[in-house]
Amino acid sequence: MRSVLRLFQKSARQSWVNQPFRNMFIQTQTTPNPNSLKFVPGIQVLDHIGTYDFNSIESSRVSPLARQLFRIDGVTRVFIATDFISVTKDDNDQAWNLLKPDIFACLMDFFASNQPVILDDASVSSSDTIINADDDETTIMIKELLDTRIRPTVQEDGGDIRFVSFEDGIVKLALQGSCSGCPSSSVTLKNGIENMMQFYVPEVLSVEAVDDEISEMQKKVFEETDEKLNGKEEK
């Protein structure tokens, strides 16, 4: 088992920077993706289990925190988990030493404001590994493996991985947060995730990444939330 887990090597470039805010410390951690940083505020970010991945300011309407972060020039993606936030910057934009002060200030101001991280109306979060009535035994095993062994490891690197489908021996996954666009993601996918999947689930022939776009279901929820918010604003 240890030989399998070694395939999920963590970046040796981990460095922590403490940023005090009253009795709160915001820590930063590098990820395998040089364009993404993990920010850990030391408090619970979400009051429920799940993750939210926003790749544009338009999709962040359900999250006041993500919306504020997108207003910082150079921020291209915001990923929110239970106890951390990953921020991805433009590949050719500002250096992190210029962006981090703005991100720290944004996070400190936001958590001091007591605003909700995710609006009550929103319901889009990680539900990809929920066991459905029509899931066969192999699909159930794949989902359980993702939840118990793979997802926790990926989230430590500031990202997430979502189950999309299993068909004809091929597992399709979507990479989120720091994992999206990471130079080492293809290596992790094949040498790490695929090997582990095949070790525990022989029916898996290969693992493939699909475009990390907001699903149609998520788009529908975002649109419904927009309609509700616009209705409230009109009143």
Protein backbone atom coordinates (compact mmCIF):
# COMPACT_ATOMS: atom_id res chain seq x y z
CA MET A 1 0.00 0.00 0.00
CA ARG A 2 2.81 2.41 0.82
CA SER A 3 4.31 1.90 -2.62
CA VAL A 4 0.98 2.98 -4.13
CA LEU A 5 0.65 6.00 -1.90
CA ARG A 6 4.15 7.13 -2.82
CA LEU A 7 2.78 7.85 -6.27
CA PHE A 8 1.02 10.77 -4.64
CA GLN A 9 4.16 12.63 -3.67
CA LYS A 10 3.69 16.04 -2.15
CA SER A 11 5.59 19.01 -3.39
CA ALA A 12 8.86 19.48 -1.54
CA ARG A 13 8.46 23.19 -1.96
CA GLN A 14 6.07 23.64 0.98
CA SER A 15 6.59 26.87 2.84
CA TRP A 16 4.30 28.50 5.36
CA VAL A 17 3.83 32.20 5.90
CA ASN A 18 1.76 33.38 8.85
CA GLN A 19 -0.37 36.47 8.44
CA PRO A 20 -1.94 37.58 11.75
CA PHE A 21 -5.49 38.90 11.86
CA ARG A 22 -6.57 39.48 15.43
CA ASN A 23 -6.51 35.91 16.76
CA MET A 24 -6.52 34.36 13.28
CA PHE A 25 -3.55 33.34 11.16
CA ILE A 26 -3.81 33.03 7.39
CA GLN A 27 -1.21 30.58 6.17
CA THR A 28 -0.06 30.08 2.60
CA GLN A 29 1.22 26.86 1.12
CA THR A 30 2.68 26.28 -2.30
CA THR A 31 1.09 23.65 -4.51
CA PRO A 32 2.46 21.58 -7.41
CA ASN A 33 0.89 24.22 -9.65
CA PRO A 34 3.18 27.29 -9.64
CA ASN A 35 0.22 29.50 -10.58
CA SER A 36 -1.86 28.43 -7.59
CA LEU A 37 -1.49 29.02 -3.86
CA LYS A 38 -3.38 27.49 -0.96
CA PHE A 39 -4.58 29.92 1.73
CA VAL A 40 -5.48 28.43 5.12
CA PRO A 41 -7.23 30.93 7.46
CA GLY A 42 -7.13 28.65 10.51
CA ILE A 43 -10.91 28.65 10.82
CA GLN A 44 -13.65 26.64 9.18
CA VAL A 45 -14.34 28.15 5.76
CA LEU A 46 -17.46 26.14 4.87
CA ASP A 47 -20.03 25.00 7.39
CA HIS A 48 -20.68 21.83 5.40
CA ILE A 49 -18.66 19.16 3.62
CA GLY A 50 -18.04 19.95 -0.02
CA THR A 51 -16.03 22.09 -2.41
CA TYR A 52 -16.79 24.92 -4.81
CA ASP A 53 -14.74 25.67 -7.91
CA PHE A 54 -15.16 29.00 -9.69
CA ASN A 55 -13.36 29.73 -12.95
CA SER A 56 -14.85 33.16 -13.63
CA ILE A 57 -16.44 36.07 -11.81
CA GLU A 58 -19.73 35.22 -13.54
CA SER A 59 -19.82 31.78 -11.95
CA SER A 60 -18.98 33.20 -8.51
CA ARG A 61 -22.32 34.94 -7.98
CA VAL A 62 -23.20 32.38 -5.29
CA SER A 63 -20.05 33.16 -3.30
CA PRO A 64 -19.39 36.65 -1.91
CA LEU A 65 -15.85 35.55 -1.00
CA ALA A 66 -14.99 34.30 -4.48
CA ARG A 67 -16.53 37.41 -6.00
CA GLN A 68 -14.26 39.63 -3.90
CA LEU A 69 -11.18 37.63 -4.83
CA PHE A 70 -11.98 37.85 -8.54
CA ARG A 71 -11.87 41.63 -8.26
CA ILE A 72 -8.12 41.37 -7.68
CA ASP A 73 -6.32 41.86 -10.97
CA GLY A 74 -4.65 38.64 -12.05
CA VAL A 75 -6.92 36.14 -10.21
CA THR A 76 -8.35 33.60 -12.67
CA ARG A 77 -9.73 30.82 -10.46
CA VAL A 78 -10.99 30.42 -6.88
CA PHE A 79 -11.46 27.05 -5.20
CA ILE A 80 -13.16 26.87 -1.79
CA ALA A 81 -12.98 23.84 0.52
CA THR A 82 -13.93 23.17 4.12
CA ASP A 83 -10.78 24.68 5.63
CA PHE A 84 -8.87 26.41 2.83
CA ILE A 85 -9.10 28.56 -0.28
CA SER A 86 -6.96 28.04 -3.36
CA VAL A 87 -6.34 31.02 -5.63
CA THR A 88 -4.99 30.64 -9.16
CA LYS A 89 -3.40 33.52 -11.03
CA ASP A 90 -2.82 34.28 -14.68
CA ASP A 91 0.20 32.43 -16.02
CA ASN A 92 1.80 35.59 -17.37
CA ASP A 93 0.42 38.10 -14.90
CA GLN A 94 1.80 39.50 -11.66
CA ALA A 95 4.22 37.63 -9.43
CA TRP A 96 2.91 36.15 -6.19
CA ASN A 97 4.84 38.63 -4.06
CA LEU A 98 2.72 41.36 -5.64
CA LEU A 99 -0.60 39.50 -5.51
CA LYS A 100 -0.40 37.99 -2.01
CA PRO A 101 -0.79 41.28 -0.07
CA ASP A 102 -4.05 42.01 -1.92
CA ILE A 103 -5.33 38.47 -1.34
CA PHE A 104 -4.43 38.59 2.36
CA ALA A 105 -6.21 41.93 2.74
CA CYS A 106 -9.26 40.60 0.89
CA LEU A 107 -9.48 37.48 3.07
CA MET A 108 -8.97 39.39 6.32
CA ASP A 109 -11.62 41.97 5.44
CA PHE A 110 -14.04 39.29 4.33
CA PHE A 111 -13.78 37.11 7.44
CA ALA A 112 -14.06 40.22 9.62
CA SER A 113 -17.32 41.15 7.86
CA ASN A 114 -19.09 37.89 8.87
CA GLN A 115 -20.55 37.53 5.39
CA PRO A 116 -21.51 34.03 4.26
CA VAL A 117 -18.88 32.32 2.14
CA ILE A 118 -21.62 30.67 0.11
CA LEU A 119 -25.13 32.10 -0.17
CA ASP A 120 -27.93 30.09 1.39
CA ASP A 121 -29.63 29.79 -1.99
CA ALA A 122 -26.66 27.96 -3.49
CA SER A 123 -26.61 24.18 -3.54
CA VAL A 124 -23.69 23.41 -5.84
CA SER A 125 -21.00 21.42 -4.06
CA SER A 126 -19.25 18.10 -4.31
CA SER A 127 -21.95 15.49 -4.79
CA ASP A 128 -20.20 13.52 -7.51
CA THR A 129 -19.42 10.55 -5.27
CA ILE A 130 -22.89 10.12 -3.78
CA ILE A 131 -23.97 6.53 -4.33
CA ASN A 132 -26.94 6.42 -6.69
CA ALA A 133 -29.49 3.64 -6.92
CA ASP A 134 -28.40 2.73 -10.44
CA ASP A 135 -24.65 2.58 -9.66
CA ASP A 136 -23.14 -0.85 -10.25
CA GLU A 137 -20.67 -2.44 -7.84
CA THR A 138 -17.60 -1.24 -9.78
CA THR A 139 -18.80 2.38 -9.88
CA ILE A 140 -19.50 2.28 -6.15
CA MET A 141 -15.98 1.00 -5.49
CA ILE A 142 -14.50 3.78 -7.66
CA LYS A 143 -16.48 6.47 -5.84
CA GLU A 144 -15.52 5.11 -2.43
CA LEU A 145 -11.86 5.00 -3.44
CA LEU A 146 -12.03 8.59 -4.64
CA ASP A 147 -13.60 9.76 -1.38
CA THR A 148 -11.48 7.80 1.07
CA ARG A 149 -8.00 7.72 -0.48
CA ILE A 150 -7.63 9.94 -3.53
CA ARG A 151 -9.63 13.09 -2.79
CA PRO A 152 -8.02 13.81 0.63
CA THR A 153 -4.56 13.58 -0.95
CA VAL A 154 -5.47 15.87 -3.83
CA GLN A 155 -7.10 18.42 -1.51
CA GLU A 156 -3.89 18.66 0.51
CA ASP A 157 -2.36 20.13 -2.65
CA GLY A 158 -5.10 22.76 -2.87
CA GLY A 159 -7.33 21.12 -5.44
CA ASP A 160 -9.98 18.50 -5.90
CA ILE A 161 -10.95 15.77 -8.30
CA ARG A 162 -14.52 15.02 -9.35
CA PHE A 163 -15.99 11.81 -10.66
CA VAL A 164 -17.64 12.31 -14.04
CA SER A 165 -18.31 8.81 -15.37
CA PHE A 166 -17.20 5.19 -15.68
CA GLU A 167 -17.88 3.49 -18.97
CA ASP A 168 -16.17 0.70 -20.93
CA GLY A 169 -13.41 0.49 -18.33
CA ILE A 170 -12.56 4.20 -18.55
CA VAL A 171 -12.88 6.47 -15.52
CA LYS A 172 -13.36 10.12 -16.43
CA LEU A 173 -12.43 12.73 -13.85
CA ALA A 174 -12.41 16.52 -13.74
CA LEU A 175 -9.51 18.32 -12.06
CA GLN A 176 -10.35 21.40 -10.00
CA GLY A 177 -8.65 24.16 -8.08
CA SER A 178 -4.84 24.00 -8.07
CA CYS A 179 -4.96 20.73 -10.02
CA SER A 180 -6.50 22.42 -13.04
CA GLY A 181 -3.71 23.51 -15.38
CA CYS A 182 -1.02 22.07 -13.13
CA PRO A 183 2.06 20.96 -15.12
CA SER A 184 2.29 17.74 -13.09
CA SER A 185 -1.41 16.85 -13.25
CA SER A 186 -1.01 14.42 -16.15
CA VAL A 187 1.73 12.56 -14.27
CA THR A 188 -0.40 12.43 -11.10
CA LEU A 189 -3.38 11.25 -13.11
CA LYS A 190 -1.57 8.38 -14.83
CA ASN A 191 1.19 7.35 -12.42
CA GLY A 192 -0.80 8.04 -9.27
CA ILE A 193 -4.55 7.88 -9.65
CA GLU A 194 -4.73 5.39 -12.52
CA ASN A 195 -2.30 2.98 -10.85
CA MET A 196 -4.17 3.17 -7.55
CA MET A 197 -7.52 2.67 -9.28
CA GLN A 198 -6.24 -0.38 -11.14
CA PHE A 199 -4.69 -1.78 -7.96
CA TYR A 200 -8.00 -1.73 -6.08
CA VAL A 201 -10.45 -1.98 -8.99
CA PRO A 202 -9.15 -4.30 -11.73
CA GLU A 203 -12.10 -3.39 -13.97
CA VAL A 204 -10.52 0.04 -14.51
CA LEU A 205 -8.54 0.06 -17.75
CA SER A 206 -7.56 3.72 -17.77
CA VAL A 207 -8.25 7.10 -16.15
CA GLU A 208 -8.79 10.20 -18.27
CA ALA A 209 -9.20 13.88 -17.44
CA VAL A 210 -12.06 15.82 -18.99
CA ASP A 211 -12.31 19.56 -19.48
CA ASP A 212 -12.82 21.21 -16.11
CA GLU A 213 -15.89 23.20 -17.07
CA ILE A 214 -18.95 23.92 -14.98
CA SER A 215 -21.41 21.11 -15.59
CA GLU A 216 -24.83 21.72 -17.06
CA MET A 217 -26.37 20.99 -13.66
CA GLN A 218 -24.12 23.58 -12.02
CA LYS A 219 -24.93 26.13 -14.72
CA LYS A 220 -28.62 25.59 -14.09
CA VAL A 221 -28.18 26.16 -10.35
CA PHE A 222 -26.09 29.30 -10.95
CA GLU A 223 -28.78 30.63 -13.30
CA GLU A 224 -31.55 29.88 -10.79
CA THR A 225 -29.54 31.61 -8.05
CA ASP A 226 -29.02 34.64 -10.28
CA GLU A 227 -32.75 34.84 -10.92
CA LYS A 228 -33.50 34.70 -7.18
CA LEU A 229 -30.90 37.36 -6.39
CA ASN A 230 -32.08 39.62 -9.20
CA GLY A 231 -35.62 39.22 -7.94
CA LYS A 232 -34.57 40.29 -4.44
CA GLU A 233 -32.69 43.30 -5.83
CA GLU A 234 -35.73 44.43 -7.82
CA LYS A 235 -37.87 44.33 -4.67
